Amino acid sequence: MADDKSKTDASDRRMVSAEQDYEVQHFAKKHNLTTEEVVALIAIHGNDRATLEAAVQKRTKTA
């Protein structure tokens, strides 16, 4: 099913869909990651944006 961009709400913005290339690319660019790294993070942590951003922060602190 295609992502209907005319129907946006808070629940849509708090998720990062691994199936939507533009969402993965935006998150990757914002956090200086590759798209493969973002997809892997989604597979591990789920698609909640706050959880993913926390995982990125934790990852950069340990690196």
PDB file of N, CA and C in Angstrom:
ATOM      1  N   MET A   1       0.835  -1.167   0.000  1.00  0.00           N
ATOM      2  CA  MET A   1       0.000   0.000   0.000  1.00  0.00           C
ATOM      3  C   MET A   1       0.886   1.238   0.000  1.00  0.00           C
ATOM      4  N   ALA A   2       0.546   2.185  -0.817  1.00  0.00           N
ATOM      5  CA  ALA A   2       1.328   3.421  -0.932  1.00  0.00           C
ATOM      6  C   ALA A   2       1.090   4.313   0.271  1.00  0.00           C
ATOM      7  N   ASP A   3       2.084   5.078   0.614  1.00  0.00           N
ATOM      8  CA  ASP A   3       1.986   6.020   1.718  1.00  0.00           C
ATOM      9  C   ASP A   3       1.210   7.236   1.230  1.00  0.00           C
ATOM     10  N   ASP A   4       0.048   7.494   1.826  1.00  0.00           N
ATOM     11  CA  ASP A   4      -0.794   8.616   1.436  1.00  0.00           C
ATOM     12  C   ASP A   4      -0.291   9.872   2.132  1.00  0.00           C
ATOM     13  N   LYS A   5       0.423  10.718   1.411  1.00  0.00           N
ATOM     14  CA  LYS A   5       1.033  11.901   1.993  1.00  0.00           C
ATOM     15  C   LYS A   5       0.014  12.978   2.350  1.00  0.00           C
ATOM     16  N   SER A   6      -1.231  12.828   1.895  1.00  0.00           N
ATOM     17  CA  SER A   6      -2.251  13.804   2.257  1.00  0.00           C
ATOM     18  C   SER A   6      -2.836  13.502   3.632  1.00  0.00           C
ATOM     19  N   LYS A   7      -2.569  12.324   4.158  1.00  0.00           N
ATOM     20  CA  LYS A   7      -3.083  11.932   5.478  1.00  0.00           C
ATOM     21  C   LYS A   7      -1.918  11.799   6.444  1.00  0.00           C
ATOM     22  N   THR A   8      -1.468  12.923   6.951  1.00  0.00           N
ATOM     23  CA  THR A   8      -0.365  12.906   7.910  1.00  0.00           C
ATOM     24  C   THR A   8      -0.882  13.322   9.271  1.00  0.00           C
ATOM     25  N   ASP A   9      -0.394  12.660  10.277  1.00  0.00           N
ATOM     26  CA  ASP A   9      -0.711  13.029  11.639  1.00  0.00           C
ATOM     27  C   ASP A   9       0.483  12.683  12.513  1.00  0.00           C
ATOM     28  N   ALA A  10       0.365  12.911  13.792  1.00  0.00           N
ATOM     29  CA  ALA A  10       1.493  12.694  14.703  1.00  0.00           C
ATOM     30  C   ALA A  10       1.955  11.242  14.694  1.00  0.00           C
ATOM     31  N   SER A  11       1.034  10.303  14.561  1.00  0.00           N
ATOM     32  CA  SER A  11       1.431   8.898  14.584  1.00  0.00           C
ATOM     33  C   SER A  11       2.286   8.547  13.372  1.00  0.00           C
ATOM     34  N   ASP A  12       2.051   9.185  12.239  1.00  0.00           N
ATOM     35  CA  ASP A  12       2.845   8.932  11.045  1.00  0.00           C
ATOM     36  C   ASP A  12       4.251   9.515  11.188  1.00  0.00           C
ATOM     37  N   ARG A  13       4.367  10.658  11.816  1.00  0.00           N
ATOM     38  CA  ARG A  13       5.668  11.322  11.955  1.00  0.00           C
ATOM     39  C   ARG A  13       6.561  10.661  12.996  1.00  0.00           C
ATOM     40  N   ARG A  14       5.981   9.896  13.911  1.00  0.00           N
ATOM     41  CA  ARG A  14       6.804   9.283  14.943  1.00  0.00           C
ATOM     42  C   ARG A  14       7.370   7.932  14.517  1.00  0.00           C
ATOM     43  N   MET A  15       7.112   7.527  13.291  1.00  0.00           N
ATOM     44  CA  MET A  15       7.611   6.263  12.773  1.00  0.00           C
ATOM     45  C   MET A  15       8.529   6.499  11.576  1.00  0.00           C
ATOM     46  N   VAL A  16       9.480   5.581  11.385  1.00  0.00           N
ATOM     47  CA  VAL A  16      10.334   5.585  10.206  1.00  0.00           C
ATOM     48  C   VAL A  16      10.053   4.284   9.481  1.00  0.00           C
ATOM     49  N   SER A  17       9.473   4.371   8.314  1.00  0.00           N
ATOM     50  CA  SER A  17       9.115   3.173   7.568  1.00  0.00           C
ATOM     51  C   SER A  17      10.290   2.690   6.729  1.00  0.00           C
ATOM     52  N   ALA A  18      10.695   1.455   6.966  1.00  0.00           N
ATOM     53  CA  ALA A  18      11.782   0.860   6.177  1.00  0.00           C
ATOM     54  C   ALA A  18      11.336   0.612   4.744  1.00  0.00           C
ATOM     55  N   GLU A  19      10.041   0.618   4.506  1.00  0.00           N
ATOM     56  CA  GLU A  19       9.503   0.370   3.170  1.00  0.00           C
ATOM     57  C   GLU A  19       9.425   1.638   2.328  1.00  0.00           C
ATOM     58  N   GLN A  20       9.608   2.796   2.957  1.00  0.00           N
ATOM     59  CA  GLN A  20       9.560   4.066   2.232  1.00  0.00           C
ATOM     60  C   GLN A  20      10.986   4.601   2.094  1.00  0.00           C
ATOM     61  N   ASP A  21      11.525   4.522   0.885  1.00  0.00           N
ATOM     62  CA  ASP A  21      12.910   4.919   0.643  1.00  0.00           C
ATOM     63  C   ASP A  21      13.201   6.339   1.094  1.00  0.00           C
ATOM     64  N   TYR A  22      12.267   7.265   0.851  1.00  0.00           N
ATOM     65  CA  TYR A  22      12.530   8.661   1.200  1.00  0.00           C
ATOM     66  C   TYR A  22      12.645   8.834   2.716  1.00  0.00           C
ATOM     67  N   GLU A  23      11.901   8.048   3.500  1.00  0.00           N
ATOM     68  CA  GLU A  23      12.004   8.156   4.957  1.00  0.00           C
ATOM     69  C   GLU A  23      13.346   7.614   5.444  1.00  0.00           C
ATOM     70  N   VAL A  24      13.777   6.493   4.886  1.00  0.00           N
ATOM     71  CA  VAL A  24      15.061   5.903   5.250  1.00  0.00           C
ATOM     72  C   VAL A  24      16.189   6.853   4.856  1.00  0.00           C
ATOM     73  N   GLN A  25      16.119   7.401   3.653  1.00  0.00           N
ATOM     74  CA  GLN A  25      17.171   8.309   3.183  1.00  0.00           C
ATOM     75  C   GLN A  25      17.228   9.578   4.021  1.00  0.00           C
ATOM     76  N   HIS A  26      16.077  10.111   4.398  1.00  0.00           N
ATOM     77  CA  HIS A  26      16.049  11.319   5.233  1.00  0.00           C
ATOM     78  C   HIS A  26      16.678  11.043   6.596  1.00  0.00           C
ATOM     79  N   PHE A  27      16.291   9.927   7.229  1.00  0.00           N
ATOM     80  CA  PHE A  27      16.841   9.581   8.539  1.00  0.00           C
ATOM     81  C   PHE A  27      18.341   9.337   8.433  1.00  0.00           C
ATOM     82  N   ALA A  28      18.764   8.666   7.367  1.00  0.00           N
ATOM     83  CA  ALA A  28      20.192   8.390   7.165  1.00  0.00           C
ATOM     84  C   ALA A  28      20.974   9.685   7.011  1.00  0.00           C
ATOM     85  N   LYS A  29      20.472  10.597   6.200  1.00  0.00           N
ATOM     86  CA  LYS A  29      21.169  11.871   5.988  1.00  0.00           C
ATOM     87  C   LYS A  29      21.218  12.685   7.273  1.00  0.00           C
ATOM     88  N   LYS A  30      20.124  12.715   8.005  1.00  0.00           N
ATOM     89  CA  LYS A  30      20.046  13.492   9.240  1.00  0.00           C
ATOM     90  C   LYS A  30      21.067  13.001  10.272  1.00  0.00           C
ATOM     91  N   HIS A  31      21.312  11.696  10.296  1.00  0.00           N
ATOM     92  CA  HIS A  31      22.191  11.121  11.312  1.00  0.00           C
ATOM     93  C   HIS A  31      23.528  10.631  10.756  1.00  0.00           C
ATOM     94  N   ASN A  32      23.824  11.009   9.514  1.00  0.00           N
ATOM     95  CA  ASN A  32      25.093  10.645   8.881  1.00  0.00           C
ATOM     96  C   ASN A  32      25.317   9.127   8.876  1.00  0.00           C
ATOM     97  N   LEU A  33      24.284   8.391   8.443  1.00  0.00           N
ATOM     98  CA  LEU A  33      24.332   6.940   8.347  1.00  0.00           C
ATOM     99  C   LEU A  33      24.095   6.523   6.907  1.00  0.00           C
ATOM    100  N   THR A  34      24.378   5.278   6.601  1.00  0.00           N
ATOM    101  CA  THR A  34      24.007   4.737   5.295  1.00  0.00           C
ATOM    102  C   THR A  34      22.576   4.216   5.391  1.00  0.00           C
ATOM    103  N   THR A  35      21.943   4.049   4.255  1.00  0.00           N
ATOM    104  CA  THR A  35      20.584   3.512   4.265  1.00  0.00           C
ATOM    105  C   THR A  35      20.576   2.085   4.813  1.00  0.00           C
ATOM    106  N   GLU A  36      21.638   1.338   4.560  1.00  0.00           N
ATOM    107  CA  GLU A  36      21.728  -0.031   5.075  1.00  0.00           C
ATOM    108  C   GLU A  36      21.793  -0.025   6.606  1.00  0.00           C
ATOM    109  N   GLU A  37      22.504   0.940   7.169  1.00  0.00           N
ATOM    110  CA  GLU A  37      22.584   1.054   8.628  1.00  0.00           C
ATOM    111  C   GLU A  37      21.222   1.390   9.225  1.00  0.00           C
ATOM    112  N   VAL A  38      20.479   2.252   8.556  1.00  0.00           N
ATOM    113  CA  VAL A  38      19.146   2.618   9.041  1.00  0.00           C
ATOM    114  C   VAL A  38      18.217   1.417   8.998  1.00  0.00           C
ATOM    115  N   VAL A  39      18.238   0.676   7.902  1.00  0.00           N
ATOM    116  CA  VAL A  39      17.388  -0.512   7.783  1.00  0.00           C
ATOM    117  C   VAL A  39      17.752  -1.530   8.866  1.00  0.00           C
ATOM    118  N   ALA A  40      19.045  -1.685   9.135  1.00  0.00           N
ATOM    119  CA  ALA A  40      19.479  -2.604  10.188  1.00  0.00           C
ATOM    120  C   ALA A  40      18.999  -2.129  11.560  1.00  0.00           C
ATOM    121  N   LEU A  41      19.077  -0.830  11.820  1.00  0.00           N
ATOM    122  CA  LEU A  41      18.588  -0.291  13.087  1.00  0.00           C
ATOM    123  C   LEU A  41      17.090  -0.521  13.246  1.00  0.00           C
ATOM    124  N   ILE A  42      16.341  -0.349  12.164  1.00  0.00           N
ATOM    125  CA  ILE A  42      14.901  -0.581  12.206  1.00  0.00           C
ATOM    126  C   ILE A  42      14.619  -2.053  12.495  1.00  0.00           C
ATOM    127  N   ALA A  43      15.402  -2.946  11.892  1.00  0.00           N
ATOM    128  CA  ALA A  43      15.208  -4.382  12.116  1.00  0.00           C
ATOM    129  C   ALA A  43      15.473  -4.739  13.581  1.00  0.00           C
ATOM    130  N   ILE A  44      16.432  -4.078  14.195  1.00  0.00           N
ATOM    131  CA  ILE A  44      16.798  -4.386  15.577  1.00  0.00           C
ATOM    132  C   ILE A  44      15.864  -3.701  16.577  1.00  0.00           C
ATOM    133  N   HIS A  45      15.596  -2.403  16.369  1.00  0.00           N
ATOM    134  CA  HIS A  45      14.904  -1.590  17.365  1.00  0.00           C
ATOM    135  C   HIS A  45      13.445  -1.288  17.037  1.00  0.00           C
ATOM    136  N   GLY A  46      12.996  -1.615  15.856  1.00  0.00           N
ATOM    137  CA  GLY A  46      11.643  -1.248  15.445  1.00  0.00           C
ATOM    138  C   GLY A  46      11.654   0.097  14.744  1.00  0.00           C
ATOM    139  N   ASN A  47      10.489   0.601  14.381  1.00  0.00           N
ATOM    140  CA  ASN A  47      10.442   1.812  13.563  1.00  0.00           C
ATOM    141  C   ASN A  47      10.018   3.068  14.312  1.00  0.00           C
ATOM    142  N   ASP A  48      10.002   3.038  15.625  1.00  0.00           N
ATOM    143  CA  ASP A  48       9.693   4.230  16.402  1.00  0.00           C
ATOM    144  C   ASP A  48      10.867   5.207  16.301  1.00  0.00           C
ATOM    145  N   ARG A  49      10.584   6.414  15.837  1.00  0.00           N
ATOM    146  CA  ARG A  49      11.636   7.412  15.583  1.00  0.00           C
ATOM    147  C   ARG A  49      12.435   7.753  16.840  1.00  0.00           C
ATOM    148  N   ALA A  50      11.769   7.922  17.973  1.00  0.00           N
ATOM    149  CA  ALA A  50      12.465   8.274  19.209  1.00  0.00           C
ATOM    150  C   ALA A  50      13.418   7.150  19.636  1.00  0.00           C
ATOM    151  N   THR A  51      12.975   5.920  19.506  1.00  0.00           N
ATOM    152  CA  THR A  51      13.822   4.777  19.850  1.00  0.00           C
ATOM    153  C   THR A  51      15.031   4.701  18.928  1.00  0.00           C
ATOM    154  N   LEU A  52      14.807   4.932  17.641  1.00  0.00           N
ATOM    155  CA  LEU A  52      15.910   4.903  16.677  1.00  0.00           C
ATOM    156  C   LEU A  52      16.911   6.024  16.950  1.00  0.00           C
ATOM    157  N   GLU A  53      16.415   7.207  17.249  1.00  0.00           N
ATOM    158  CA  GLU A  53      17.319   8.316  17.540  1.00  0.00           C
ATOM    159  C   GLU A  53      18.119   8.059  18.812  1.00  0.00           C
ATOM    160  N   ALA A  54      17.492   7.430  19.807  1.00  0.00           N
ATOM    161  CA  ALA A  54      18.218   7.067  21.030  1.00  0.00           C
ATOM    162  C   ALA A  54      19.300   6.028  20.718  1.00  0.00           C
ATOM    163  N   ALA A  55      18.997   5.083  19.843  1.00  0.00           N
ATOM    164  CA  ALA A  55      19.976   4.059  19.466  1.00  0.00           C
ATOM    165  C   ALA A  55      21.134   4.697  18.723  1.00  0.00           C
ATOM    166  N   VAL A  56      20.874   5.670  17.880  1.00  0.00           N
ATOM    167  CA  VAL A  56      21.924   6.366  17.156  1.00  0.00           C
ATOM    168  C   VAL A  56      22.792   7.143  18.144  1.00  0.00           C
ATOM    169  N   GLN A  57      22.183   7.823  19.097  1.00  0.00           N
ATOM    170  CA  GLN A  57      22.936   8.584  20.104  1.00  0.00           C
ATOM    171  C   GLN A  57      23.823   7.657  20.923  1.00  0.00           C
ATOM    172  N   LYS A  58      23.287   6.542  21.337  1.00  0.00           N
ATOM    173  CA  LYS A  58      24.049   5.582  22.128  1.00  0.00           C
ATOM    174  C   LYS A  58      25.211   5.033  21.291  1.00  0.00           C
ATOM    175  N   ARG A  59      24.943   4.781  20.025  1.00  0.00           N
ATOM    176  CA  ARG A  59      25.952   4.241  19.113  1.00  0.00           C
ATOM    177  C   ARG A  59      27.090   5.231  18.904  1.00  0.00           C
ATOM    178  N   THR A  60      26.779   6.508  18.771  1.00  0.00           N
ATOM    179  CA  THR A  60      27.818   7.511  18.525  1.00  0.00           C
ATOM    180  C   THR A  60      28.630   7.787  19.785  1.00  0.00           C
ATOM    181  N   LYS A  61      28.025   7.619  20.955  1.00  0.00           N
ATOM    182  CA  LYS A  61      28.761   7.831  22.193  1.00  0.00           C
ATOM    183  C   LYS A  61      29.773   6.714  22.439  1.00  0.00           C
ATOM    184  N   THR A  62      29.446   5.498  22.014  1.00  0.00           N
ATOM    185  CA  THR A  62      30.357   4.363  22.225  1.00  0.00           C
ATOM    186  C   THR A  62      31.394   4.228  21.122  1.00  0.00           C
ATOM    187  N   ALA A  63      31.156   4.898  20.006  1.00  0.00           N
ATOM    188  CA  ALA A  63      32.086   4.786  18.884  1.00  0.00           C
ATOM    189  C   ALA A  63      33.260   5.719  19.004  1.00  0.00           C
TER     190      ALA A  63
END
